[in-house]
Amino acid sequence: MKSKNTNTNTGKQATDPAELSPKNLNRRDFLRASGLVSLTGLGLFAGSGGLTPAKVFAQGKSEHGPEDIRLDSPVKSVIFINLAGGASHVDSFDPKPGNGPFKSINSSIRGVKVTDRLAKTAGALKHVSMIRSVYSEEGDHSRAQYLLHTGHRQMAGFRSQPSVGGVIAYAKQKSGPYFPEHITIGGRGGISGDGGFLGVRFDSYHIGNVDRPLSNLTPRDRRLTEDRFYRREQILDAINTSFAGRVSSEETAVWSEMHESALAFMNSEKLAVFDLKKEAAASRRRFGESRMGKALLMAKRLAAAEVPFIEITMGGWDTHNNNRDRVSKLLGELDGPVAALINELKSSGLFDQTLFVLGSEFGRTPVIAGNGDGRDHHPRAWTMLMGGGKVPAGAVIGATDDKGHKPTKDPAHVSSVVATMYEAAGIDPQAAVYTSQGRPMQLITKHQPIRGLVR
């Protein structure tokens, strides 16, 4: 369906909105004649980042803007793989002899071993860097995910903080027709995907099902022709214009901008990026047909389209019991797609403009729990990966003791990891963003980017 800005209404004169005004029809005739539907009636905003009139679509009026927090950087997109639930570092990227159920193998980084369940990823690690000494004070899933997504500990009195994805989308926002600058794939909960006080525009467009990434872009009634749809737009415009003329408020301006943005998204030339069938068959085979494979292939396509922030959440890592079998299955689903993503970003040249991050909200206890086959929450040490842009390839930051219990070299607080993400993505982590009331919020307050990862 074409928007009113692109519709040519071939062979027909556009109907005068005044003639469609509800003033000229009684209620029954008006509804019968129009069959009025709005974009919200089509459900375009359902499941797409919580686009509601209660939130401001764009940041409030201020003398501050996104250019105030930008740094020079080649990075145009960030791909963040969130292993939600707390992935075991000793069963994946930081194995310890005799402390896990899996064998260790050499990776493509000299002197670095990983679990044998990551055989394909092991070969791709030379293109990224490892941070083996991440730690925090948060052992609760919700609070730890909040810290991972903001660089701040959760405060009861301040619940509108933007996530790292919202901040990066804000900093890298583009002019022109609307297209999502922040996209989440897979699970989405808590702070993930939240634009906070920056506005609903910087909430994520959420893809819950990679096989159906777009929905509600066309009416269910197939009899609704382009001309009829255009006439309905005019009717809706007439109603909204009449109402706005009598009631001037921030909410009406928000709805108007959301309406225009939804139409722009419906008619965007970029929608093909969501169609995995347009990807080369060889590439689809490398990523595989699993949900994770399709999600990471989608992420690669979105990065090629220069979407500023793409987050893929893979849950299931909360392995308090049946750790061996569950981790083995999860790593099997992760290994091939992650290797394919890193290798294709590198071979295509996209790695120069894409920041790749993989991590979890905390690690898991190096010692098996009392139930005999489980690992509990362990925020004292875990591993994250980062690469692309100006991040050096093959660097290893930090180390843990021989059991994987705590860092013994270059400890990196998770807030430092977030600060590094910001700086590598071209955002000053010490800068502030502002609420619509002009109140500043410094992106990172107590921690600095990790030395050796940002050039």
Protein backbone atom coordinates (compact mmCIF):
# COMPACT_ATOMS: atom_id res chain seq x y z
CA MET A 1 0.00 0.00 0.00
CA LYS A 2 1.30 3.41 -0.94
CA SER A 3 1.27 6.30 1.47
CA LYS A 4 -0.47 9.54 0.69
CA ASN A 5 2.89 11.08 -0.17
CA THR A 6 3.62 8.57 -2.91
CA ASN A 7 0.14 7.67 -4.16
CA THR A 8 -0.60 8.81 -7.69
CA ASN A 9 -4.25 7.64 -7.60
CA THR A 10 -3.94 6.92 -11.30
CA GLY A 11 -6.85 8.12 -13.39
CA LYS A 12 -8.78 9.47 -10.39
CA GLN A 13 -8.96 12.78 -8.65
CA ALA A 14 -8.16 12.62 -4.95
CA THR A 15 -11.20 13.08 -2.82
CA ASP A 16 -11.40 16.41 -1.02
CA PRO A 17 -10.92 15.73 2.68
CA ALA A 18 -13.60 18.30 3.42
CA GLU A 19 -16.14 16.18 1.58
CA LEU A 20 -15.19 13.25 3.77
CA SER A 21 -15.52 15.18 7.01
CA PRO A 22 -17.69 13.46 9.60
CA LYS A 23 -19.60 16.74 9.81
CA ASN A 24 -21.25 15.88 6.50
CA LEU A 25 -22.39 12.41 7.56
CA ASN A 26 -24.29 11.00 10.47
CA ARG A 27 -22.40 8.44 12.53
CA ARG A 28 -24.02 5.38 10.96
CA ASP A 29 -23.56 6.58 7.38
CA PHE A 30 -20.04 7.78 8.03
CA LEU A 31 -18.88 4.44 9.41
CA ARG A 32 -20.70 2.52 6.69
CA ALA A 33 -19.23 4.69 3.93
CA SER A 34 -15.66 4.78 5.20
CA GLY A 35 -14.97 1.40 6.79
CA LEU A 36 -12.41 3.48 8.66
CA VAL A 37 -9.22 1.83 9.79
CA SER A 38 -6.17 3.40 11.28
CA LEU A 39 -2.61 2.15 11.27
CA THR A 40 -3.04 1.03 14.83
CA GLY A 41 -6.10 -0.89 13.70
CA LEU A 42 -3.88 -2.71 11.25
CA GLY A 43 -1.70 -3.62 14.20
CA LEU A 44 1.51 -2.12 12.84
CA PHE A 45 2.69 -1.16 16.29
CA ALA A 46 1.87 -4.44 17.98
CA GLY A 47 5.06 -6.17 19.06
CA SER A 48 7.19 -3.48 17.47
CA GLY A 49 8.87 -1.88 20.42
CA GLY A 50 5.82 -0.71 22.34
CA LEU A 51 4.89 2.28 20.19
CA THR A 52 2.27 3.94 22.35
CA PRO A 53 1.10 7.54 22.61
CA ALA A 54 2.11 7.60 26.25
CA LYS A 55 5.72 7.97 25.17
CA VAL A 56 7.27 10.82 23.25
CA PHE A 57 8.17 9.65 19.75
CA ALA A 58 11.28 11.80 19.53
CA GLN A 59 13.37 13.41 22.21
CA GLY A 60 11.91 16.53 23.77
CA LYS A 61 12.99 19.99 22.67
CA SER A 62 16.52 20.73 23.79
CA GLU A 63 19.61 22.57 22.68
CA HIS A 64 21.41 19.22 22.95
CA GLY A 65 21.50 16.74 20.11
CA PRO A 66 23.01 13.43 19.02
CA GLU A 67 26.03 15.16 17.49
CA ASP A 68 27.11 16.12 21.03
CA ILE A 69 27.95 12.53 21.94
CA ARG A 70 29.49 11.31 18.68
CA LEU A 71 33.14 10.43 18.15
CA ASP A 72 34.91 9.76 14.88
CA SER A 73 34.43 6.08 14.05
CA PRO A 74 33.96 3.93 10.96
CA VAL A 75 31.32 1.86 12.78
CA LYS A 76 27.82 2.21 11.36
CA SER A 77 26.20 -0.82 13.00
CA VAL A 78 26.51 -2.82 16.20
CA ILE A 79 25.55 -6.50 16.40
CA PHE A 80 25.14 -7.61 20.02
CA ILE A 81 24.52 -11.30 20.77
CA ASN A 82 23.03 -11.57 24.26
CA LEU A 83 23.33 -15.04 25.82
CA ALA A 84 20.58 -14.46 28.33
CA GLY A 85 20.55 -16.48 31.53
CA GLY A 86 24.25 -16.50 32.30
CA ALA A 87 26.46 -18.59 30.02
CA SER A 88 29.15 -20.71 31.66
CA HIS A 89 32.57 -19.32 30.78
CA VAL A 90 34.40 -22.48 31.84
CA ASP A 91 32.19 -24.55 29.52
CA SER A 92 32.72 -22.21 26.55
CA PHE A 93 35.45 -19.57 26.12
CA ASP A 94 37.55 -20.05 29.26
CA PRO A 95 37.83 -23.81 29.90
CA LYS A 96 39.87 -25.06 32.83
CA PRO A 97 41.51 -28.52 32.96
CA GLY A 98 39.41 -30.91 34.99
CA ASN A 99 36.75 -28.30 35.70
CA GLY A 100 34.21 -29.05 33.02
CA PRO A 101 32.54 -31.88 31.11
CA PHE A 102 34.01 -30.94 27.70
CA LYS A 103 37.43 -31.22 26.09
CA SER A 104 39.50 -28.15 25.24
CA ILE A 105 40.77 -27.37 21.75
CA ASN A 106 43.12 -24.76 20.34
CA SER A 107 41.56 -21.66 18.80
CA SER A 108 42.95 -19.49 16.02
CA ILE A 109 44.28 -17.10 18.69
CA ARG A 110 47.73 -18.34 19.68
CA GLY A 111 47.74 -19.92 23.14
CA VAL A 112 43.97 -19.65 23.61
CA LYS A 113 41.83 -22.72 24.10
CA VAL A 114 38.05 -23.03 23.99
CA THR A 115 35.67 -25.91 24.55
CA ASP A 116 35.40 -28.49 21.79
CA ARG A 117 31.70 -27.60 21.43
CA LEU A 118 32.88 -24.38 19.74
CA ALA A 119 35.02 -25.98 17.04
CA LYS A 120 33.83 -23.68 14.23
CA THR A 121 33.92 -20.52 16.30
CA ALA A 122 37.45 -21.44 17.41
CA GLY A 123 38.64 -20.91 13.85
CA ALA A 124 37.02 -17.48 13.59
CA LEU A 125 38.27 -16.08 16.90
CA LYS A 126 41.40 -14.62 15.28
CA HIS A 127 39.18 -11.85 13.88
CA VAL A 128 37.89 -10.71 17.29
CA SER A 129 39.21 -10.04 20.79
CA MET A 130 38.38 -11.84 24.02
CA ILE A 131 37.74 -10.22 27.39
CA ARG A 132 38.27 -13.04 29.88
CA SER A 133 38.06 -11.00 33.06
CA VAL A 134 34.59 -9.43 33.02
CA TYR A 135 33.00 -9.09 36.45
CA SER A 136 30.21 -7.26 38.29
CA GLU A 137 28.40 -7.17 41.63
CA GLU A 138 25.02 -8.26 40.24
CA GLY A 139 23.98 -11.89 40.59
CA ASP A 140 20.29 -11.34 39.84
CA HIS A 141 19.26 -11.85 36.21
CA SER A 142 17.14 -8.72 35.87
CA ARG A 143 19.58 -6.40 37.57
CA ALA A 144 22.56 -7.92 35.76
CA GLN A 145 20.87 -7.57 32.37
CA TYR A 146 20.07 -3.96 33.24
CA LEU A 147 23.75 -3.34 34.03
CA LEU A 148 24.84 -5.09 30.82
CA HIS A 149 22.45 -2.94 28.76
CA THR A 150 23.14 0.42 30.41
CA GLY A 151 26.44 0.36 32.28
CA HIS A 152 24.50 1.49 35.38
CA ARG A 153 23.13 -0.37 38.37
CA GLN A 154 19.36 -0.34 38.53
CA MET A 155 17.80 2.39 40.65
CA ALA A 156 14.25 2.15 41.93
CA GLY A 157 13.66 5.88 41.49
CA PHE A 158 14.73 6.08 37.85
CA ARG A 159 13.03 3.66 35.46
CA SER A 160 13.30 5.42 32.11
CA GLN A 161 17.00 4.95 31.40
CA PRO A 162 17.70 4.11 27.74
CA SER A 163 19.42 0.85 26.86
CA VAL A 164 22.72 0.85 25.00
CA GLY A 165 20.77 0.03 21.85
CA GLY A 166 18.54 3.07 22.32
CA VAL A 167 21.54 5.33 22.89
CA ILE A 168 23.41 4.07 19.82
CA ALA A 169 20.25 4.38 17.70
CA TYR A 170 19.82 7.94 18.96
CA ALA A 171 23.44 8.86 18.28
CA LYS A 172 23.37 7.39 14.78
CA GLN A 173 19.88 8.48 13.79
CA LYS A 174 19.40 9.40 10.17
CA SER A 175 17.29 11.96 8.40
CA GLY A 176 14.82 10.98 5.72
CA PRO A 177 11.98 8.46 5.70
CA TYR A 178 11.63 6.45 8.90
CA PHE A 179 13.26 3.03 9.15
CA PRO A 180 14.03 1.30 12.48
CA GLU A 181 17.41 2.26 13.90
CA HIS A 182 17.19 -0.29 16.72
CA ILE A 183 16.12 -3.89 16.08
CA THR A 184 15.87 -6.79 18.52
CA ILE A 185 15.55 -10.44 17.48
CA GLY A 186 14.49 -13.35 19.66
CA GLY A 187 13.56 -12.87 23.29
CA ARG A 188 12.95 -9.35 24.52
CA GLY A 189 12.38 -8.41 28.11
CA GLY A 190 13.33 -5.90 30.76
CA ILE A 191 15.63 -3.12 29.57
CA SER A 192 16.47 -4.84 26.28
CA GLY A 193 15.21 -2.79 23.35
CA ASP A 194 14.17 0.16 25.49
CA GLY A 195 14.73 3.70 24.23
CA GLY A 196 13.81 5.11 27.64
CA PHE A 197 13.54 8.88 27.93
CA LEU A 198 15.11 9.30 24.47
CA GLY A 199 11.70 8.47 23.07
CA VAL A 200 9.74 5.67 21.51
CA ARG A 201 11.46 6.20 18.15
CA PHE A 202 14.55 4.61 19.70
CA ASP A 203 12.71 1.62 21.16
CA SER A 204 13.45 -1.48 19.16
CA TYR A 205 11.43 -2.89 16.32
CA HIS A 206 11.12 -6.42 17.62
CA ILE A 207 11.30 -9.60 15.55
CA GLY A 208 10.00 -12.49 17.59
CA ASN A 209 9.83 -14.95 14.70
CA VAL A 210 12.63 -14.82 12.13
CA ASP A 211 10.45 -16.72 9.68
CA ARG A 212 7.91 -13.89 9.81
CA PRO A 213 9.91 -10.75 10.53
CA LEU A 214 7.24 -8.44 9.12
CA SER A 215 3.56 -8.54 9.89
CA ASN A 216 0.50 -6.30 9.53
CA LEU A 217 1.99 -4.27 6.69
CA THR A 218 -0.96 -5.05 4.47
CA PRO A 219 -4.65 -5.20 5.46
CA ARG A 220 -6.18 -8.60 6.07
CA ASP A 221 -9.08 -7.64 3.82
CA ARG A 222 -7.69 -8.39 0.38
CA ARG A 223 -10.52 -6.43 -1.19
CA LEU A 224 -8.96 -3.23 0.15
CA THR A 225 -7.48 -1.71 -2.99
CA GLU A 226 -4.81 0.95 -3.08
CA ASP A 227 -7.40 3.60 -3.94
CA ARG A 228 -9.63 2.59 -1.03
CA PHE A 229 -6.67 2.59 1.31
CA TYR A 230 -5.71 6.07 0.10
CA ARG A 231 -9.25 7.34 0.68
CA ARG A 232 -9.17 5.95 4.20
CA GLU A 233 -5.92 7.82 4.81
CA GLN A 234 -7.65 11.01 3.73
CA ILE A 235 -10.58 10.35 6.03
CA LEU A 236 -8.25 9.71 8.93
CA ASP A 237 -6.32 12.86 8.10
CA ALA A 238 -9.54 14.85 8.08
CA ILE A 239 -10.49 13.54 11.51
CA ASN A 240 -7.02 14.10 12.96
CA THR A 241 -6.70 17.58 11.43
CA SER A 242 -10.08 18.57 12.82
CA PHE A 243 -9.19 17.25 16.26
CA ALA A 244 -5.71 18.82 16.27
CA GLY A 245 -7.25 22.16 15.34
CA ARG A 246 -9.38 22.03 18.47
CA VAL A 247 -6.97 20.24 20.83
CA SER A 248 -3.28 21.10 20.72
CA SER A 249 -1.14 18.73 22.78
CA GLU A 250 2.08 16.75 22.73
CA GLU A 251 0.09 13.54 22.44
CA THR A 252 -1.59 14.55 19.16
CA ALA A 253 1.80 15.53 17.70
CA VAL A 254 3.20 12.15 18.78
CA TRP A 255 0.39 10.23 17.12
CA SER A 256 0.81 12.24 13.93
CA GLU A 257 4.53 11.53 13.74
CA MET A 258 4.01 7.85 14.54
CA HIS A 259 1.40 7.64 11.79
CA GLU A 260 3.75 9.21 9.24
CA SER A 261 6.61 6.96 10.33
CA ALA A 262 4.50 3.81 10.08
CA LEU A 263 3.51 4.75 6.53
CA ALA A 264 7.16 5.40 5.67
CA PHE A 265 8.11 1.98 7.06
CA MET A 266 5.31 0.27 5.12
CA ASN A 267 6.58 1.79 1.88
CA SER A 268 10.30 1.59 2.59
CA GLU A 269 12.55 0.33 -0.18
CA LYS A 270 14.62 -1.36 2.54
CA LEU A 271 11.98 -3.94 3.48
CA ALA A 272 13.72 -6.52 1.31
CA VAL A 273 16.46 -6.68 3.94
CA PHE A 274 14.11 -8.82 6.05
CA ASP A 275 13.73 -11.43 3.29
CA LEU A 276 16.32 -14.15 3.90
CA LYS A 277 15.42 -15.80 0.59
CA LYS A 278 17.23 -12.97 -1.16
CA GLU A 279 20.48 -14.12 0.45
CA ALA A 280 22.80 -16.31 -1.61
CA ALA A 281 22.13 -20.03 -1.16
CA ALA A 282 25.73 -20.68 -0.12
CA SER A 283 25.46 -18.08 2.62
CA ARG A 284 22.18 -19.55 3.88
CA ARG A 285 23.82 -22.96 4.08
CA ARG A 286 26.72 -21.58 6.13
CA PHE A 287 24.37 -20.03 8.67
CA GLY A 288 22.03 -23.02 8.68
CA GLU A 289 18.29 -23.37 9.07
CA SER A 290 18.14 -23.13 12.86
CA ARG A 291 16.46 -20.19 14.55
CA MET A 292 19.86 -18.85 15.62
CA GLY A 293 21.29 -19.33 12.15
CA LYS A 294 18.47 -17.33 10.59
CA ALA A 295 18.68 -14.66 13.30
CA LEU A 296 22.40 -14.07 12.72
CA LEU A 297 21.96 -14.10 8.96
CA MET A 298 19.25 -11.48 9.43
CA ALA A 299 21.64 -9.49 11.61
CA LYS A 300 24.28 -9.55 8.88
CA ARG A 301 21.76 -8.25 6.34
CA LEU A 302 20.63 -5.51 8.73
CA ALA A 303 24.25 -4.48 9.30
CA ALA A 304 24.73 -4.29 5.53
CA ALA A 305 21.72 -1.95 5.50
CA GLU A 306 23.50 0.12 8.20
CA VAL A 307 20.89 -0.34 10.92
CA PRO A 308 22.68 1.20 13.94
CA PHE A 309 21.93 -1.44 16.58
CA ILE A 310 20.87 -5.07 16.19
CA GLU A 311 20.49 -7.28 19.26
CA ILE A 312 19.94 -11.03 19.10
CA THR A 313 18.92 -12.68 22.35
CA MET A 314 19.47 -16.40 22.85
CA GLY A 315 18.00 -17.62 26.11
CA GLY A 316 18.28 -20.87 28.02
CA TRP A 317 21.69 -20.42 29.67
CA ASP A 318 20.40 -20.55 33.26
CA THR A 319 21.73 -24.06 33.82
CA HIS A 320 21.19 -24.77 37.51
CA ASN A 321 20.58 -28.38 36.52
CA ASN A 322 21.31 -30.70 33.59
CA ASN A 323 24.18 -28.36 32.75
CA ARG A 324 26.17 -30.69 30.52
CA ASP A 325 23.38 -31.64 28.12
CA ARG A 326 21.82 -28.18 28.01
CA VAL A 327 25.09 -26.34 27.41
CA SER A 328 26.13 -28.90 24.81
CA LYS A 329 22.87 -28.30 22.92
CA LEU A 330 23.08 -24.52 23.23
CA LEU A 331 26.69 -24.34 22.08
CA GLY A 332 25.82 -26.61 19.17
CA GLU A 333 23.13 -24.13 18.10
CA LEU A 334 25.46 -21.16 18.58
CA ASP A 335 28.74 -22.41 17.13
CA GLY A 336 28.10 -22.57 13.39
CA PRO A 337 26.06 -19.36 13.07
CA VAL A 338 28.54 -17.28 15.12
CA ALA A 339 31.46 -18.56 13.04
CA ALA A 340 29.52 -17.84 9.83
CA LEU A 341 28.66 -14.33 10.99
CA ILE A 342 32.23 -13.40 11.96
CA ASN A 343 33.71 -14.90 8.80
CA GLU A 344 31.19 -13.29 6.46
CA LEU A 345 31.48 -9.90 8.11
CA LYS A 346 35.23 -10.18 7.63
CA SER A 347 35.25 -11.49 4.06
CA SER A 348 32.63 -8.99 2.86
CA GLY A 349 34.42 -5.98 4.32
CA LEU A 350 31.47 -5.26 6.63
CA PHE A 351 33.65 -5.84 9.69
CA ASP A 352 35.29 -2.48 9.08
CA GLN A 353 31.97 -0.74 9.75
CA THR A 354 30.35 -3.23 12.13
CA LEU A 355 31.02 -3.77 15.83
CA PHE A 356 30.46 -7.37 16.94
CA VAL A 357 29.80 -8.12 20.63
CA LEU A 358 28.89 -11.42 22.28
CA GLY A 359 28.30 -11.82 25.99
CA SER A 360 26.09 -12.67 28.91
CA GLU A 361 24.89 -10.93 32.07
CA PHE A 362 27.22 -13.04 34.25
CA GLY A 363 29.07 -16.33 34.26
CA ARG A 364 28.39 -19.52 36.18
CA THR A 365 30.13 -21.16 39.11
CA PRO A 366 33.26 -23.06 38.10
CA VAL A 367 32.43 -25.76 40.64
CA ILE A 368 29.45 -27.97 39.86
CA ALA A 369 26.52 -27.36 42.22
CA GLY A 370 25.49 -29.78 44.93
CA ASN A 371 22.88 -31.40 42.69
CA GLY A 372 25.71 -33.00 40.72
CA ASP A 373 25.10 -31.41 37.31
CA GLY A 374 24.40 -27.71 37.55
CA ARG A 375 26.17 -24.38 37.75
CA ASP A 376 24.85 -21.41 39.73
CA HIS A 377 25.09 -17.67 39.12
CA HIS A 378 28.62 -16.30 39.15
CA PRO A 379 29.12 -12.55 38.54
CA ARG A 380 32.74 -12.63 39.73
CA ALA A 381 34.15 -13.68 36.32
CA TRP A 382 33.06 -14.43 32.77
CA THR A 383 34.11 -13.94 29.13
CA MET A 384 32.85 -11.63 26.39
CA LEU A 385 33.91 -11.20 22.74
CA MET A 386 34.29 -7.96 20.79
CA GLY A 387 35.52 -7.24 17.29
CA GLY A 388 35.13 -5.15 14.17
CA GLY A 389 35.64 -1.47 13.51
CA LYS A 390 38.90 -0.38 15.12
CA VAL A 391 38.91 -3.15 17.75
CA PRO A 392 42.14 -5.15 17.30
CA ALA A 393 41.92 -8.73 16.11
CA GLY A 394 43.17 -11.59 18.25
CA ALA A 395 43.75 -9.66 21.47
CA VAL A 396 43.11 -11.34 24.82
CA ILE A 397 42.27 -9.04 27.72
CA GLY A 398 42.59 -10.38 31.25
CA ALA A 399 42.71 -13.86 32.69
CA THR A 400 41.12 -15.88 35.48
CA ASP A 401 42.61 -18.25 38.02
CA ASP A 402 43.10 -21.94 37.34
CA LYS A 403 39.53 -22.67 38.36
CA GLY A 404 37.91 -19.73 36.55
CA HIS A 405 36.69 -18.31 39.83
CA LYS A 406 37.97 -14.71 39.64
CA PRO A 407 40.13 -12.44 37.47
CA THR A 408 43.86 -12.55 38.12
CA LYS A 409 44.82 -10.01 35.45
CA ASP A 410 43.22 -6.80 34.12
CA PRO A 411 39.74 -7.14 35.66
CA ALA A 412 37.10 -5.45 33.48
CA HIS A 413 33.86 -4.36 35.10
CA VAL A 414 30.88 -4.89 32.83
CA SER A 415 30.39 -1.10 32.81
CA SER A 416 33.84 -0.85 31.22
CA VAL A 417 32.67 -3.28 28.55
CA VAL A 418 29.66 -1.03 27.84
CA ALA A 419 31.97 2.02 27.79
CA THR A 420 34.18 0.19 25.29
CA MET A 421 31.14 -0.62 23.14
CA TYR A 422 30.20 3.04 23.11
CA GLU A 423 33.68 4.27 22.25
CA ALA A 424 34.25 1.61 19.58
CA ALA A 425 30.87 2.51 18.06
CA GLY A 426 31.79 6.20 17.90
CA ILE A 427 30.07 7.48 21.03
CA ASP A 428 31.74 9.31 23.90
CA PRO A 429 31.00 7.21 27.02
CA GLN A 430 31.68 10.22 29.26
CA ALA A 431 29.14 12.39 27.42
CA ALA A 432 25.59 12.96 28.60
CA VAL A 433 22.19 12.54 27.01
CA TYR A 434 19.31 14.69 28.18
CA THR A 435 15.73 14.08 29.19
CA SER A 436 12.93 16.15 27.68
CA GLN A 437 13.16 18.32 30.83
CA GLY A 438 16.83 19.01 30.06
CA ARG A 439 18.25 16.86 32.84
CA PRO A 440 21.58 15.23 31.93
CA MET A 441 22.45 11.56 32.27
CA GLN A 442 26.10 10.66 31.79
CA LEU A 443 26.38 7.48 29.76
CA ILE A 444 29.09 5.88 31.94
CA THR A 445 30.08 7.38 35.27
CA LYS A 446 32.56 5.23 37.20
CA HIS A 447 34.40 3.16 34.61
CA GLN A 448 36.62 3.73 31.58
CA PRO A 449 36.84 1.87 28.26
CA ILE A 450 39.14 -1.14 28.32
CA ARG A 451 42.66 -0.23 27.35
CA GLY A 452 43.91 -2.15 24.35
CA LEU A 453 40.49 -2.57 22.73
CA VAL A 454 39.91 0.95 21.41
CA ARG A 455 42.44 2.65 19.18
